[in-house]
Protein backbone atom coordinates (compact mmCIF):
# COMPACT_ATOMS: atom_id res chain seq x y z
CA MET A 1 37.57 -49.04 -74.89
CA THR A 2 40.61 -51.29 -76.95
CA THR A 3 38.43 -52.14 -79.21
CA ARG A 4 37.13 -48.40 -79.90
CA ARG A 5 41.17 -47.63 -80.22
CA SER A 6 42.29 -50.45 -83.07
CA PHE A 7 39.07 -49.32 -85.18
CA ALA A 8 40.51 -45.75 -85.13
CA LEU A 9 43.73 -46.54 -86.33
CA VAL A 10 43.07 -48.82 -88.89
CA ARG A 11 40.90 -46.26 -90.23
CA HIS A 12 43.41 -42.98 -89.75
CA SER A 13 45.88 -45.86 -90.92
CA LEU A 14 43.71 -45.98 -94.65
CA LEU A 15 42.54 -42.98 -94.74
CA LEU A 16 46.67 -42.34 -94.33
CA ALA A 17 46.87 -44.91 -96.89
CA GLY A 18 44.94 -42.84 -99.28
CA ARG A 19 47.21 -39.69 -98.87
CA GLY A 20 49.85 -42.25 -100.15
CA LEU A 21 47.59 -42.54 -103.27
CA ARG A 22 47.05 -39.44 -103.62
CA LYS A 23 50.89 -38.27 -104.20
CA THR A 24 51.58 -41.05 -106.47
CA ARG A 25 48.53 -39.23 -108.54
CA ARG A 26 50.03 -36.43 -107.96
CA ASN A 27 53.94 -37.96 -108.68
CA PRO A 28 54.12 -40.57 -111.33
CA GLY A 29 57.23 -40.81 -111.19
CA ILE A 30 56.81 -42.54 -107.98
CA LEU A 31 55.88 -45.38 -109.76
CA PHE A 32 58.76 -45.27 -112.87
CA ASP A 33 60.38 -48.58 -110.37
CA ALA A 34 57.41 -50.02 -109.69
CA LEU A 35 57.10 -50.40 -113.89
CA PHE A 36 60.24 -50.26 -115.74
CA LEU A 37 61.80 -53.02 -114.00
CA PRO A 38 59.78 -55.95 -114.16
CA ILE A 39 60.10 -55.03 -118.02
CA VAL A 40 63.45 -54.45 -117.88
CA PHE A 41 64.05 -57.95 -115.98
CA LEU A 42 62.08 -60.08 -117.97
CA LEU A 43 63.77 -59.29 -121.21
CA MET A 44 67.51 -58.99 -120.45
CA PHE A 45 66.38 -62.36 -118.06
CA VAL A 46 64.34 -63.56 -121.40
CA TYR A 47 66.43 -62.46 -124.73
CA LEU A 48 70.28 -62.81 -123.41
CA PHE A 49 69.38 -66.73 -120.84
CA GLY A 50 66.56 -68.51 -123.17
CA GLY A 51 68.15 -69.15 -125.64
CA ALA A 52 71.32 -70.85 -123.60
CA VAL A 53 69.31 -72.15 -120.43
CA ALA A 54 66.50 -73.58 -122.12
CA GLY A 55 67.08 -73.53 -125.97
CA SER A 56 63.98 -71.59 -126.72
CA THR A 57 63.68 -67.81 -125.92
CA GLN A 58 59.53 -69.46 -125.97
CA VAL A 59 59.67 -72.02 -123.16
CA TYR A 60 62.20 -69.98 -121.62
CA LEU A 61 59.11 -67.28 -120.68
CA GLN A 62 56.98 -69.62 -119.48
CA TYR A 63 60.25 -70.77 -116.97
CA ILE A 64 61.11 -67.74 -116.14
CA PHE A 65 57.47 -65.75 -115.75
CA PRO A 66 56.32 -66.61 -112.34
CA GLY A 67 59.71 -65.50 -110.72
CA ILE A 68 59.54 -61.96 -112.53
CA LEU A 69 56.28 -61.98 -110.99
CA VAL A 70 57.61 -63.16 -107.54
CA MET A 71 60.29 -60.65 -107.97
CA SER A 72 58.98 -57.90 -109.24
CA THR A 73 56.99 -57.28 -106.07
CA ILE A 74 58.84 -58.19 -104.04
CA MET A 75 61.82 -55.35 -105.57
CA ALA A 76 58.53 -53.06 -105.18
CA GLY A 77 58.70 -53.07 -101.68
CA LEU A 78 62.02 -53.07 -100.74
CA LEU A 79 62.95 -50.40 -103.27
CA ALA A 80 60.80 -48.68 -102.09
CA THR A 81 59.31 -48.18 -99.03
CA GLY A 82 61.93 -47.92 -96.63
CA VAL A 83 63.23 -44.69 -99.04
CA SER A 84 59.96 -42.72 -98.63
CA LEU A 85 59.10 -43.40 -95.05
CA ASN A 86 62.94 -41.89 -94.70
CA VAL A 87 61.97 -39.51 -96.86
CA ASP A 88 58.95 -37.69 -94.96
CA VAL A 89 60.58 -38.08 -91.96
CA LYS A 90 63.25 -36.34 -92.51
CA LYS A 91 61.09 -34.02 -94.27
CA GLY A 92 58.93 -33.17 -90.48
CA VAL A 93 56.05 -34.67 -92.68
CA PHE A 94 55.83 -37.25 -89.25
CA ASP A 95 56.18 -34.69 -86.32
CA ARG A 96 52.91 -33.09 -87.78
CA PHE A 97 50.73 -35.94 -88.36
CA ARG A 98 51.75 -36.23 -84.31
CA SER A 99 50.30 -32.52 -83.23
CA LEU A 100 46.92 -34.95 -85.46
CA PRO A 101 44.53 -37.49 -82.64
CA ILE A 102 45.57 -39.87 -84.57
CA GLY A 103 46.86 -42.94 -83.05
CA ARG A 104 51.12 -42.80 -83.21
CA SER A 105 51.83 -45.24 -85.66
CA ALA A 106 49.41 -44.91 -88.12
CA PRO A 107 51.54 -43.14 -90.18
CA LEU A 108 53.56 -46.06 -90.28
CA ILE A 109 51.43 -47.66 -91.51
CA GLY A 110 49.45 -45.99 -93.57
CA SER A 111 52.85 -45.40 -95.88
CA VAL A 112 52.86 -49.31 -95.62
CA VAL A 113 49.71 -49.44 -97.31
CA GLY A 114 49.69 -47.30 -99.65
CA ASP A 115 52.53 -48.30 -101.49
CA LEU A 116 49.81 -51.71 -102.14
CA VAL A 117 49.22 -49.91 -105.60
CA ARG A 118 52.84 -50.47 -106.64
CA TYR A 119 52.59 -54.14 -106.86
CA ALA A 120 49.29 -53.14 -108.70
CA VAL A 121 51.50 -52.01 -111.27
CA ALA A 122 54.38 -54.62 -111.12
CA LEU A 123 51.88 -57.26 -112.40
CA ILE A 124 50.12 -55.07 -114.99
CA SER A 125 52.73 -54.37 -116.74
CA LEU A 126 54.50 -57.79 -116.92
CA PHE A 127 51.26 -59.38 -117.58
CA LEU A 128 50.96 -57.54 -120.80
CA LEU A 129 54.42 -57.53 -121.52
CA GLY A 130 53.96 -61.21 -120.87
CA TYR A 131 51.17 -61.70 -123.69
CA LEU A 132 52.57 -59.54 -125.44
CA LEU A 133 56.04 -61.57 -125.54
CA GLY A 134 54.19 -65.12 -125.97
CA PHE A 135 53.71 -66.01 -122.30
CA ARG A 136 49.89 -67.63 -121.52
CA VAL A 137 48.85 -69.17 -118.83
CA GLN A 138 48.02 -72.62 -118.14
CA THR A 139 45.63 -73.12 -115.33
CA GLY A 140 43.04 -70.71 -115.65
CA LEU A 141 42.47 -66.46 -114.09
CA VAL A 142 41.68 -67.65 -110.36
CA ALA A 143 44.69 -69.64 -110.14
CA ALA A 144 46.56 -66.61 -112.16
CA LEU A 145 44.64 -64.38 -109.80
CA ALA A 146 45.44 -66.45 -106.81
CA ALA A 147 49.34 -66.40 -107.83
CA CYS A 148 48.89 -62.32 -107.77
CA ALA A 149 47.55 -62.96 -105.04
CA LEU A 150 50.53 -65.10 -103.29
CA ALA A 151 53.41 -62.90 -104.47
CA VAL A 152 51.82 -59.84 -102.87
CA THR A 153 51.54 -60.96 -99.54
CA LEU A 154 55.24 -62.04 -99.53
CA GLY A 155 56.14 -58.76 -101.32
CA PHE A 156 54.00 -56.47 -98.75
CA CYS A 157 55.67 -58.82 -95.50
CA MET A 158 59.07 -58.21 -96.53
CA SER A 159 57.80 -55.01 -96.85
CA TRP A 160 57.91 -54.35 -93.39
CA ILE A 161 61.75 -55.12 -93.24
CA ASN A 162 62.77 -51.78 -95.14
CA ALA A 163 60.28 -50.32 -93.50
CA LEU A 164 61.98 -50.71 -90.34
CA ILE A 165 65.96 -49.86 -92.04
CA GLY A 166 64.10 -46.55 -93.13
CA VAL A 167 63.18 -45.72 -90.23
CA LEU A 168 66.10 -46.94 -88.03
CA ILE A 169 68.46 -45.80 -90.86
CA LYS A 170 69.12 -41.25 -90.86
CA GLU A 171 70.23 -40.91 -94.80
CA THR A 172 68.58 -41.94 -97.57
CA SER A 173 71.08 -42.80 -99.79
CA ILE A 174 71.87 -45.80 -97.23
CA VAL A 175 68.45 -47.42 -97.09
CA GLN A 176 68.21 -47.09 -101.10
CA SER A 177 72.05 -49.15 -100.54
CA VAL A 178 71.20 -51.63 -98.07
CA GLY A 179 67.49 -52.48 -99.25
CA PHE A 180 68.64 -52.64 -103.32
CA LEU A 181 71.64 -54.19 -101.40
CA GLY A 182 70.20 -57.33 -99.53
CA ILE A 183 67.58 -57.59 -102.54
CA PHE A 184 69.85 -59.56 -104.71
CA PRO A 185 70.88 -62.90 -102.11
CA LEU A 186 66.52 -63.22 -101.36
CA ALA A 187 65.81 -62.38 -105.95
CA PHE A 188 68.22 -64.19 -107.28
CA GLY A 189 69.94 -66.68 -104.93
CA THR A 190 66.54 -69.14 -105.87
CA ASN A 191 65.68 -71.25 -109.23
CA MET A 192 64.14 -68.39 -110.72
CA VAL A 193 67.38 -67.90 -113.24
CA ALA A 194 67.70 -71.94 -113.75
CA PRO A 195 66.49 -75.61 -112.05
CA THR A 196 67.76 -76.07 -108.11
CA GLU A 197 69.58 -79.63 -109.55
CA THR A 198 71.52 -77.75 -112.24
CA LEU A 199 72.97 -75.11 -109.22
CA PRO A 200 76.15 -75.87 -107.10
CA GLY A 201 75.50 -77.58 -103.95
CA TRP A 202 75.81 -74.60 -101.78
CA LEU A 203 73.91 -72.88 -103.73
CA ARG A 204 71.18 -74.71 -103.91
CA ALA A 205 71.54 -75.58 -100.24
CA TRP A 206 69.85 -71.57 -99.96
CA VAL A 207 67.96 -72.04 -103.17
CA ASN A 208 66.21 -75.15 -101.46
CA VAL A 209 65.57 -73.06 -97.94
CA ASN A 210 65.29 -69.56 -99.54
CA PRO A 211 61.87 -68.35 -98.40
CA VAL A 212 61.97 -66.61 -101.71
CA THR A 213 61.81 -69.83 -103.92
CA HIS A 214 58.98 -70.83 -102.64
CA ALA A 215 56.68 -68.06 -103.49
CA ILE A 216 58.24 -68.99 -107.04
CA GLU A 217 57.60 -73.24 -106.61
CA ALA A 218 53.99 -71.86 -106.10
CA THR A 219 53.39 -69.23 -108.86
CA ARG A 220 54.86 -71.70 -111.26
CA GLY A 221 52.58 -74.68 -110.31
CA LEU A 222 49.30 -72.17 -109.99
CA LEU A 223 50.12 -70.69 -112.67
CA LEU A 224 51.67 -73.17 -114.86
CA GLY A 225 50.07 -76.32 -113.96
CA GLY A 226 51.84 -78.38 -111.29
CA PRO A 227 52.35 -78.62 -106.96
CA VAL A 228 51.17 -75.47 -104.99
CA SER A 229 49.67 -76.28 -101.46
CA GLY A 230 53.29 -77.21 -100.21
CA SER A 231 55.62 -74.27 -101.59
CA ALA A 232 52.03 -72.02 -101.22
CA SER A 233 52.14 -73.13 -97.36
CA THR A 234 55.76 -72.63 -96.74
CA THR A 235 55.33 -69.53 -98.14
CA LEU A 236 53.17 -67.82 -96.38
CA LEU A 237 54.38 -69.24 -93.46
CA TRP A 238 57.31 -67.56 -94.22
CA SER A 239 55.42 -64.75 -94.91
CA THR A 240 53.29 -64.71 -91.39
CA GLY A 241 56.93 -65.24 -89.69
CA PHE A 242 58.01 -61.69 -91.66
CA LEU A 243 54.91 -59.47 -90.89
CA VAL A 244 54.85 -60.91 -87.01
CA VAL A 245 58.84 -60.17 -86.17
CA PHE A 246 58.91 -57.00 -88.84
CA ALA A 247 56.06 -54.85 -88.35
CA PRO A 248 55.95 -54.65 -84.58
CA LEU A 249 59.86 -53.84 -84.40
CA ALA A 250 58.80 -51.20 -87.50
CA VAL A 251 56.09 -49.34 -85.11
CA MET A 252 58.61 -49.23 -82.23
CA ALA A 253 60.93 -47.65 -83.78
CA TYR A 254 59.57 -45.12 -85.12
CA ARG A 255 57.94 -44.75 -82.39
CA ARG A 256 61.00 -43.50 -80.82
CA ARG A 257 62.22 -41.75 -83.80
CA ALA A 258 59.75 -39.46 -83.73
C-alpha cells in the first residue's frame, strides 16, 4: 500500500509538473527572468570588470563564466519558484486540487519540478551568448554536461528554500523581495567575480564556507580543467542538506496552509 501511494504521488507530481510546462508555453514572459538575467550579468561583469580584474575581457570571460552559470541556475529557481507557488495559493488554484483524488503534496512538488524548464532556458541562453563572446570549454562535452548537472542540482535543491517562503508568506511582493535579497550573500559572496585571495579576511571567511563557492570551483574545474572531486562532493553534500531540510518543511507548511 505504501509503495502504491508513493508511485501515485510521483505520477501526480509529474502530471502537475506538465501543467507548469503548459503554463510556461502559453505565457513566455514567465521565462523572461531566466533568459534575461544571465545575459545581463555576463555582459555587465565581463565588460565592466574584465579589464580591471584580469587585464583582458577575454581572459576574464573564461574566469567568470562558470560562476555566472551557477548563479543563473540559483536565481532561476529562487526568484520564480516561491512567487509562482504564492500566486497559485492566493488565487485558489491549489484549493481546487484538494478536491481531486491526488496526493496532498503533489501540487507543490509538481510546481517545483516543473520549474526545471527555467534552468534549461538559463543554461542554453548563457552558453549561446558565451560562445558568441568567445568562451570555450577546455575539457569536453561530458564534463560540460556534468557542470550543468551540478549547477542545476544545487539550484533545484535551494529552490525549496524559496518554496517554503512562498507558502509561509501571504504577500507575493514580500516573497519576491525576501527571495531576491537572500540571493545576494549566496551568489555574490563567492569567488565568482575575483579570486578568494584578493578579498578581505572577513569576506574570505564567508566565501570559504559558502556552498555556492564550492559549486563555482567545481564548475570551473569541469569546464576549464582543474581539481573537481573535493568541491563537487561538497556541493552535493550541501545540495542534499538543502533538500532534506527544506523540502519536508515546505511540504508541511503547504499542507497546513491548504
